[in-house]
C-alpha atoms as a PDB file:
ATOM      1  CA  MET A   1      12.125 -19.911 -11.242  1.00  0.00           C
ATOM      2  CA  PRO A   2      12.750 -17.065  -8.758  1.00  0.00           C
ATOM      3  CA  GLU A   3      10.189 -16.463  -6.072  1.00  0.00           C
ATOM      4  CA  LEU A   4       8.410 -13.261  -5.609  1.00  0.00           C
ATOM      5  CA  ILE A   5       7.589 -12.118  -2.061  1.00  0.00           C
ATOM      6  CA  ARG A   6       3.944 -12.719  -1.496  1.00  0.00           C
ATOM      7  CA  ARG A   7       2.775  -9.125  -0.706  1.00  0.00           C
ATOM      8  CA  PRO A   8       0.527  -6.878  -2.674  1.00  0.00           C
ATOM      9  CA  PHE A   9       1.557  -3.685  -4.506  1.00  0.00           C
ATOM     10  CA  VAL A  10      -0.014  -1.180  -7.076  1.00  0.00           C
ATOM     11  CA  PHE A  11       1.556  -1.105 -10.499  1.00  0.00           C
ATOM     12  CA  LEU A  12       1.190   1.856 -12.896  1.00  0.00           C
ATOM     13  CA  ARG A  13       2.437   1.388 -16.467  1.00  0.00           C
ATOM     14  CA  HIS A  14       3.701   4.684 -17.929  1.00  0.00           C
ATOM     15  CA  GLY A  15       1.329   6.821 -20.111  1.00  0.00           C
ATOM     16  CA  GLN A  16       1.437   6.525 -23.921  1.00  0.00           C
ATOM     17  CA  SER A  17       5.032   7.074 -25.123  1.00  0.00           C
ATOM     18  CA  THR A  18       6.195   8.232 -28.630  1.00  0.00           C
ATOM     19  CA  SER A  19       7.303   4.738 -29.193  1.00  0.00           C
ATOM     20  CA  ASN A  20       3.728   3.419 -28.199  1.00  0.00           C
ATOM     21  CA  LEU A  21       2.181   5.849 -30.545  1.00  0.00           C
ATOM     22  CA  ASN A  22       4.473   4.737 -33.398  1.00  0.00           C
ATOM     23  CA  ARG A  23       4.019   1.003 -32.537  1.00  0.00           C
ATOM     24  CA  ARG A  24       7.736   0.524 -31.967  1.00  0.00           C
ATOM     25  CA  ILE A  25       9.658  -1.333 -29.363  1.00  0.00           C
ATOM     26  CA  ALA A  26      11.179   1.201 -26.908  1.00  0.00           C
ATOM     27  CA  GLY A  27      13.003  -1.152 -24.569  1.00  0.00           C
ATOM     28  CA  GLN A  28      15.509   0.844 -22.603  1.00  0.00           C
ATOM     29  CA  ARG A  29      15.442   3.749 -25.033  1.00  0.00           C
ATOM     30  CA  ASP A  30      14.539   7.005 -23.163  1.00  0.00           C
ATOM     31  CA  VAL A  31      11.529   8.036 -24.923  1.00  0.00           C
ATOM     32  CA  PRO A  32       9.042  10.736 -23.732  1.00  0.00           C
ATOM     33  CA  LEU A  33       5.493  10.686 -23.115  1.00  0.00           C
ATOM     34  CA  THR A  34       3.067  12.032 -25.810  1.00  0.00           C
ATOM     35  CA  ALA A  35       0.422  14.664 -24.974  1.00  0.00           C
ATOM     36  CA  GLN A  36      -2.095  11.883 -24.629  1.00  0.00           C
ATOM     37  CA  GLY A  37       0.311   9.968 -22.285  1.00  0.00           C
ATOM     38  CA  GLU A  38       0.593  13.037 -20.070  1.00  0.00           C
ATOM     39  CA  ARG A  39      -3.347  13.179 -19.995  1.00  0.00           C
ATOM     40  CA  GLU A  40      -3.540   9.528 -19.122  1.00  0.00           C
ATOM     41  CA  ALA A  41      -1.135   9.993 -16.306  1.00  0.00           C
ATOM     42  CA  ARG A  42      -3.123  12.908 -14.864  1.00  0.00           C
ATOM     43  CA  GLN A  43      -6.334  10.894 -15.101  1.00  0.00           C
ATOM     44  CA  ALA A  44      -4.565   8.195 -12.922  1.00  0.00           C
ATOM     45  CA  ALA A  45      -4.253  10.874 -10.226  1.00  0.00           C
ATOM     46  CA  ARG A  46      -8.006  10.589  -9.524  1.00  0.00           C
ATOM     47  CA  LEU A  47      -7.247   7.270  -7.895  1.00  0.00           C
ATOM     48  CA  LEU A  48      -3.608   7.650  -6.848  1.00  0.00           C
ATOM     49  CA  GLY A  49      -3.097  11.226  -6.055  1.00  0.00           C
ATOM     50  CA  ASP A  50      -4.397  11.707  -2.558  1.00  0.00           C
ATOM     51  CA  VAL A  51      -2.982   8.481  -1.149  1.00  0.00           C
ATOM     52  CA  ALA A  52      -0.093   8.833   1.329  1.00  0.00           C
ATOM     53  CA  TRP A  53       1.903   6.066  -0.415  1.00  0.00           C
ATOM     54  CA  PRO A  54       4.532   4.472   1.902  1.00  0.00           C
ATOM     55  CA  LEU A  55       6.821   4.398  -1.102  1.00  0.00           C
ATOM     56  CA  ILE A  56       6.550   5.748  -4.696  1.00  0.00           C
ATOM     57  CA  VAL A  57       9.219   4.257  -7.023  1.00  0.00           C
ATOM     58  CA  ALA A  58       9.736   4.498 -10.729  1.00  0.00           C
ATOM     59  CA  SER A  59      11.989   3.322 -13.427  1.00  0.00           C
ATOM     60  CA  PRO A  60      14.366   6.057 -14.141  1.00  0.00           C
ATOM     61  CA  LEU A  61      13.236   6.213 -17.884  1.00  0.00           C
ATOM     62  CA  GLU A  62      11.597   9.489 -18.638  1.00  0.00           C
ATOM     63  CA  ARG A  63       8.162   8.009 -19.633  1.00  0.00           C
ATOM     64  CA  ALA A  64       7.854   6.254 -16.121  1.00  0.00           C
ATOM     65  CA  ARG A  65       9.359   9.036 -13.994  1.00  0.00           C
ATOM     66  CA  ARG A  66       7.122  11.575 -15.641  1.00  0.00           C
ATOM     67  CA  THR A  67       4.048   9.353 -15.251  1.00  0.00           C
ATOM     68  CA  ALA A  68       4.731   8.858 -11.533  1.00  0.00           C
ATOM     69  CA  GLU A  69       4.896  12.667 -11.138  1.00  0.00           C
ATOM     70  CA  LEU A  70       1.719  13.450 -12.926  1.00  0.00           C
ATOM     71  CA  ALA A  71      -0.233  10.487 -11.365  1.00  0.00           C
ATOM     72  CA  THR A  72       0.691  11.434  -7.703  1.00  0.00           C
ATOM     73  CA  GLY A  73       1.365  15.143  -7.859  1.00  0.00           C
ATOM     74  CA  ARG A  74       4.879  14.680  -6.600  1.00  0.00           C
ATOM     75  CA  ALA A  75       8.185  13.218  -7.469  1.00  0.00           C
ATOM     76  CA  PRO A  76       8.853   9.544  -6.705  1.00  0.00           C
ATOM     77  CA  HIS A  77      10.705   8.784  -3.524  1.00  0.00           C
ATOM     78  CA  CYS A  78      13.379   7.192  -5.688  1.00  0.00           C
ATOM     79  CA  LEU A  79      14.116   5.962  -9.218  1.00  0.00           C
ATOM     80  CA  ILE A  80      15.244   2.423  -9.500  1.00  0.00           C
ATOM     81  CA  GLY A  81      17.302   1.107 -12.381  1.00  0.00           C
ATOM     82  CA  GLY A  82      16.131  -2.472 -11.806  1.00  0.00           C
ATOM     83  CA  LEU A  83      12.645  -1.374 -12.920  1.00  0.00           C
ATOM     84  CA  LYS A  84      13.635  -0.468 -16.487  1.00  0.00           C
ATOM     85  CA  GLU A  85      12.056  -2.199 -19.272  1.00  0.00           C
ATOM     86  CA  ARG A  86      13.706  -5.181 -20.823  1.00  0.00           C
ATOM     87  CA  HIS A  87      16.661  -4.370 -23.120  1.00  0.00           C
ATOM     88  CA  TRP A  88      15.521  -5.650 -26.444  1.00  0.00           C
ATOM     89  CA  GLY A  89      18.881  -5.300 -28.232  1.00  0.00           C
ATOM     90  CA  GLU A  90      18.531  -5.179 -31.942  1.00  0.00           C
ATOM     91  CA  HIS A  91      14.799  -5.162 -31.739  1.00  0.00           C
ATOM     92  CA  GLU A  92      14.707  -1.623 -30.140  1.00  0.00           C
ATOM     93  CA  GLU A  93      13.071   0.985 -32.354  1.00  0.00           C
ATOM     94  CA  HIS A  94      11.731  -1.678 -34.601  1.00  0.00           C
ATOM     95  CA  PRO A  95       8.025  -2.095 -35.259  1.00  0.00           C
ATOM     96  CA  ILE A  96       6.199  -4.275 -32.612  1.00  0.00           C
ATOM     97  CA  PRO A  97       5.666  -7.657 -34.316  1.00  0.00           C
ATOM     98  CA  GLU A  98       2.373  -9.519 -34.266  1.00  0.00           C
ATOM     99  CA  THR A  99       3.856 -11.990 -31.897  1.00  0.00           C
ATOM    100  CA  MET A 100       6.651 -10.843 -29.532  1.00  0.00           C
ATOM    101  CA  PRO A 101       9.505 -13.246 -28.910  1.00  0.00           C
ATOM    102  CA  TYR A 102       9.411 -13.023 -25.195  1.00  0.00           C
ATOM    103  CA  LEU A 103      11.244 -16.205 -24.283  1.00  0.00           C
ATOM    104  CA  LEU A 104      14.053 -15.734 -26.918  1.00  0.00           C
ATOM    105  CA  SER A 105      17.235 -13.813 -26.291  1.00  0.00           C
ATOM    106  CA  PRO A 106      17.446 -10.775 -28.535  1.00  0.00           C
ATOM    107  CA  GLU A 107      20.867 -10.150 -30.144  1.00  0.00           C
ATOM    108  CA  GLY A 108      22.632  -7.471 -27.979  1.00  0.00           C
ATOM    109  CA  GLY A 109      19.858  -7.601 -25.474  1.00  0.00           C
ATOM    110  CA  GLU A 110      18.678  -9.157 -22.200  1.00  0.00           C
ATOM    111  CA  SER A 111      17.570 -12.843 -22.016  1.00  0.00           C
ATOM    112  CA  TRP A 112      14.090 -13.510 -20.567  1.00  0.00           C
ATOM    113  CA  ALA A 113      15.604 -15.367 -17.719  1.00  0.00           C
ATOM    114  CA  ASP A 114      17.871 -12.448 -16.880  1.00  0.00           C
ATOM    115  CA  PHE A 115      15.060 -10.030 -17.132  1.00  0.00           C
ATOM    116  CA  VAL A 116      12.822 -12.145 -14.859  1.00  0.00           C
ATOM    117  CA  THR A 117      15.684 -12.441 -12.271  1.00  0.00           C
ATOM    118  CA  ARG A 118      16.250  -8.645 -12.286  1.00  0.00           C
ATOM    119  CA  ILE A 119      12.636  -7.742 -11.916  1.00  0.00           C
ATOM    120  CA  VAL A 120      11.896 -10.228  -9.078  1.00  0.00           C
ATOM    121  CA  ALA A 121      15.108  -9.244  -7.273  1.00  0.00           C
ATOM    122  CA  THR A 122      14.011  -5.481  -7.554  1.00  0.00           C
ATOM    123  CA  LEU A 123      10.489  -6.232  -6.435  1.00  0.00           C
ATOM    124  CA  ASN A 124      11.587  -8.252  -3.574  1.00  0.00           C
ATOM    125  CA  ALA A 125      13.958  -5.569  -2.320  1.00  0.00           C
ATOM    126  CA  LEU A 126      11.011  -3.131  -2.280  1.00  0.00           C
ATOM    127  CA  LEU A 127       8.209  -5.557  -0.867  1.00  0.00           C
ATOM    128  CA  VAL A 128      10.449  -6.687   1.920  1.00  0.00           C
ATOM    129  CA  GLU A 129      10.675  -3.125   3.252  1.00  0.00           C
ATOM    130  CA  HIS A 130       7.270  -1.550   2.354  1.00  0.00           C
ATOM    131  CA  GLU A 131       3.693  -2.490   2.507  1.00  0.00           C
ATOM    132  CA  THR A 132       1.595  -1.626  -0.598  1.00  0.00           C
ATOM    133  CA  PRO A 133       4.094   0.427  -2.548  1.00  0.00           C
ATOM    134  CA  LEU A 134       3.226   2.235  -5.832  1.00  0.00           C
ATOM    135  CA  ILE A 135       5.514   1.021  -8.572  1.00  0.00           C
ATOM    136  CA  VAL A 136       5.619   2.959 -11.872  1.00  0.00           C
ATOM    137  CA  GLY A 137       7.286   1.133 -14.847  1.00  0.00           C
ATOM    138  CA  HIS A 138       6.852  -0.779 -17.941  1.00  0.00           C
ATOM    139  CA  SER A 139       4.605  -3.583 -19.357  1.00  0.00           C
ATOM    140  CA  GLY A 140       7.433  -6.079 -19.069  1.00  0.00           C
ATOM    141  CA  LEU A 141       7.037  -6.115 -15.222  1.00  0.00           C
ATOM    142  CA  ILE A 142       3.419  -7.348 -15.687  1.00  0.00           C
ATOM    143  CA  ARG A 143       4.596 -10.011 -18.106  1.00  0.00           C
ATOM    144  CA  VAL A 144       7.037 -11.356 -15.494  1.00  0.00           C
ATOM    145  CA  ILE A 145       4.127 -11.543 -12.983  1.00  0.00           C
ATOM    146  CA  ARG A 146       2.055 -13.424 -15.578  1.00  0.00           C
ATOM    147  CA  TYR A 147       5.032 -15.776 -16.119  1.00  0.00           C
ATOM    148  CA  LEU A 148       5.362 -16.403 -12.288  1.00  0.00           C
ATOM    149  CA  ASP A 149       1.616 -17.002 -12.126  1.00  0.00           C
ATOM    150  CA  SER A 150       1.107 -19.203 -15.185  1.00  0.00           C
ATOM    151  CA  GLY A 151       4.454 -20.083 -16.736  1.00  0.00           C
ATOM    152  CA  SER A 152       3.783 -17.829 -19.736  1.00  0.00           C
ATOM    153  CA  PRO A 153       4.422 -14.033 -20.290  1.00  0.00           C
ATOM    154  CA  GLU A 154       1.702 -14.098 -23.015  1.00  0.00           C
ATOM    155  CA  GLY A 155      -1.369 -12.030 -22.552  1.00  0.00           C
ATOM    156  CA  PRO A 156      -2.823  -8.647 -23.422  1.00  0.00           C
ATOM    157  CA  ARG A 157      -0.615  -5.665 -23.199  1.00  0.00           C
ATOM    158  CA  THR A 158      -1.143  -3.707 -19.952  1.00  0.00           C
ATOM    159  CA  ASP A 159      -3.049  -0.538 -20.507  1.00  0.00           C
ATOM    160  CA  ASN A 160      -1.176   2.778 -20.368  1.00  0.00           C
ATOM    161  CA  ALA A 161      -1.638   4.675 -17.002  1.00  0.00           C
ATOM    162  CA  VAL A 162      -4.363   2.360 -15.641  1.00  0.00           C
ATOM    163  CA  PRO A 163      -3.448   1.484 -12.004  1.00  0.00           C
ATOM    164  CA  GLN A 164      -3.242  -2.206 -11.471  1.00  0.00           C
ATOM    165  CA  TRP A 165      -3.628  -4.147  -8.243  1.00  0.00           C
ATOM    166  CA  VAL A 166      -1.030  -6.999  -8.064  1.00  0.00           C
ATOM    167  CA  ALA A 167      -1.703  -9.398  -5.215  1.00  0.00           C
ATOM    168  CA  PRO A 168      -0.976 -12.945  -4.242  1.00  0.00           C
ATOM    169  CA  TYR A 169      -3.708 -15.537  -4.046  1.00  0.00           C
ATOM    170  CA  GLY A 170      -3.648 -19.115  -3.069  1.00  0.00           C
ATOM    171  CA  THR A 171      -0.314 -20.624  -2.413  1.00  0.00           C
ATOM    172  CA  ARG A 172       1.413 -19.492  -5.652  1.00  0.00           C
ATOM    173  CA  GLY A 173      -0.981 -17.536  -7.851  1.00  0.00           C
ATOM    174  CA  TRP A 174      -1.070 -13.652  -8.585  1.00  0.00           C
ATOM    175  CA  GLU A 175      -3.944 -11.579  -9.305  1.00  0.00           C
ATOM    176  CA  ILE A 176      -3.636  -8.650 -11.678  1.00  0.00           C
ATOM    177  CA  ARG A 177      -6.632  -6.434 -12.146  1.00  0.00           C
ATOM    178  CA  PRO A 178      -7.529  -2.736 -12.317  1.00  0.00           C
ATOM    179  CA  LEU A 179      -7.197  -1.010  -8.898  1.00  0.00           C
ATOM    180  CA  ARG A 180     -10.322  -0.348  -6.871  1.00  0.00           C
ATOM    181  CA  GLU A 181     -10.388   2.352  -4.157  1.00  0.00           C
ATOM    182  CA  SER A 182     -11.063  -0.425  -1.524  1.00  0.00           C
ATOM    183  CA  ASP A 183      -7.654  -2.012  -2.356  1.00  0.00           C
ATOM    184  CA  VAL A 184      -5.882   1.067  -0.878  1.00  0.00           C
ATOM    185  CA  ALA A 185      -8.547   2.159   1.806  1.00  0.00           C
ATOM    186  CA  HIS A 186      -6.017   1.007   4.505  1.00  0.00           C
ATOM    187  CA  LEU A 187      -3.528   3.615   3.492  1.00  0.00           C
ATOM    188  CA  PRO A 188      -3.773   7.133   4.902  1.00  0.00           C
ATOM    189  CA  ARG A 189      -4.833  10.125   2.638  1.00  0.00           C
ATOM    190  CA  LEU A 190      -2.608  13.165   2.120  1.00  0.00           C
ATOM    191  CA  SER A 191      -5.439  15.465   3.449  1.00  0.00           C
ATOM    192  CA  THR A 192      -5.290  13.743   6.814  1.00  0.00           C
ATOM    193  CA  THR A 193      -1.488  13.717   7.078  1.00  0.00           C
ATOM    194  CA  THR A 194      -0.914  17.373   6.585  1.00  0.00           C
END
């Protein structure tokens, strides 16, 4: 199993997308936010907007890029293809099943092992360079962290546009929970940097 650098980061899943609304698997399809998704992203700005993030990165898919802009009031520093959602192959645009086949390889899509390797390599490249970056992406990223923590990607879907604190604990564990202001209190605020 690949190893993730043990440094904390803030993760923001995109706001509600048209595929979320219709309960369909978007995968790497480039679907937009709904009006509710835009509102959710703006609400995240209450916690994220005035932080002078050392790095704001997002998946290049519109739903993540737009969420980053609305939640921080500025464009991400960069868009990173390695943060895209898993390619679900033949399952994309199909209804979300009761039980997702996370560990199986979808026909024409990305295997679980390849997805984990991609996400970990992408995160490691960011974490080695930056302390407490803001990463805006997709629910699959949190499933990878869960897998690294517990050996299983199963668990509740990450809420749309609710900032998450992702931090190492113990020698191998990972904590995933809603962000608190105290988690980013060490970062400067925009009002003090201008």
